[in-house]
Amino acid sequence: MSHFWTLMDDEFGPAYAGSLARDHVLGTLQQRTALQAIADGVPPREVWEALCDDMDVPPERRLGRDDRVARGAQGGSAR
């Protein structure tokens, strides 16, 4: 779930991501919102892909930003 929200925030911004997940109805997920689908047991990856399709997110942005530094890597935080 945390990766789902990271992808959502990166692509849509934190404020819009929450609204989109809560309010946008996805036909491919049986007319449910992202949050409803997840609550009903649909895997977050499937929900993310449905949102990407519906919102025309290009394939090169569907795996998330590539400028993040992994925790523990040089320049990253080791928390």
Protein backbone atom coordinates (compact mmCIF):
# COMPACT_ATOMS: atom_id res chain seq x y z
CA MET A 1 0.00 0.00 0.00
CA SER A 2 2.82 2.41 0.75
CA HIS A 3 4.18 1.96 -2.77
CA PHE A 4 0.69 2.61 -4.18
CA TRP A 5 0.53 5.93 -2.32
CA THR A 6 4.07 6.86 -3.35
CA LEU A 7 3.12 6.30 -6.99
CA MET A 8 -0.11 8.25 -6.54
CA ASP A 9 1.61 11.19 -4.84
CA ASP A 10 4.43 11.29 -7.39
CA GLU A 11 2.11 11.22 -10.39
CA PHE A 12 -0.82 13.31 -9.20
CA GLY A 13 0.47 15.29 -6.21
CA PRO A 14 -0.51 14.56 -2.60
CA ALA A 15 -3.72 16.63 -2.56
CA TYR A 16 -5.13 15.40 -5.87
CA ALA A 17 -4.03 11.79 -5.27
CA GLY A 18 -6.29 11.51 -2.23
CA SER A 19 -9.23 13.06 -4.03
CA LEU A 20 -8.71 10.89 -7.09
CA ALA A 21 -8.53 7.69 -5.03
CA ARG A 22 -11.62 8.65 -3.06
CA ASP A 23 -13.85 10.12 -5.79
CA HIS A 24 -12.90 8.88 -9.26
CA VAL A 25 -15.03 5.90 -10.34
CA LEU A 26 -13.22 3.32 -12.45
CA GLY A 27 -15.35 1.36 -14.91
CA THR A 28 -12.75 -1.38 -15.22
CA LEU A 29 -13.02 -1.97 -11.47
CA GLN A 30 -16.78 -2.55 -11.54
CA GLN A 31 -17.69 1.11 -11.03
CA ARG A 32 -15.71 1.41 -7.80
CA THR A 33 -13.29 4.07 -6.68
CA ALA A 34 -9.67 3.11 -6.05
CA LEU A 35 -10.25 3.09 -2.30
CA GLN A 36 -13.40 0.98 -2.62
CA ALA A 37 -11.62 -1.51 -4.87
CA ILE A 38 -8.68 -1.83 -2.48
CA ALA A 39 -11.04 -2.25 0.48
CA ASP A 40 -12.79 -5.01 -1.50
CA GLY A 41 -9.49 -6.86 -1.94
CA VAL A 42 -8.36 -5.76 -5.40
CA PRO A 43 -4.54 -5.73 -5.39
CA PRO A 44 -3.12 -2.19 -5.26
CA ARG A 45 -1.06 -2.88 -8.42
CA GLU A 46 -4.26 -3.66 -10.36
CA VAL A 47 -5.90 -0.50 -9.00
CA TRP A 48 -2.83 1.57 -9.96
CA GLU A 49 -2.89 0.18 -13.50
CA ALA A 50 -6.61 0.93 -13.83
CA LEU A 51 -6.02 4.51 -12.68
CA CYS A 52 -3.11 4.88 -15.09
CA ASP A 53 -5.24 3.66 -17.97
CA ASP A 54 -8.13 5.92 -17.03
CA MET A 55 -5.95 9.00 -16.48
CA ASP A 56 -3.74 8.41 -19.56
CA VAL A 57 -0.52 8.07 -17.56
CA PRO A 58 2.18 7.20 -20.10
CA PRO A 59 3.93 3.82 -19.70
CA GLU A 60 7.27 5.44 -18.86
CA ARG A 61 5.77 6.99 -15.70
CA ARG A 62 3.83 3.97 -14.42
CA LEU A 63 6.70 2.50 -12.42
CA GLY A 64 7.31 5.70 -10.49
CA ARG A 65 10.00 8.31 -10.46
CA ASP A 66 13.49 7.14 -11.21
CA ASP A 67 15.22 9.95 -9.34
CA ARG A 68 14.63 8.51 -5.88
CA VAL A 69 17.63 7.26 -3.92
CA ALA A 70 17.10 4.00 -2.07
CA ARG A 71 17.43 4.07 1.69
CA GLY A 72 20.95 3.13 2.71
CA ALA A 73 22.38 3.99 -0.71
CA GLN A 74 24.94 6.75 -1.02
CA GLY A 75 23.01 9.97 -0.65
CA GLY A 76 19.97 8.18 0.76
CA SER A 77 18.79 8.07 4.34
CA ALA A 78 19.55 4.98 6.40
CA ARG A 79 16.56 5.25 8.72
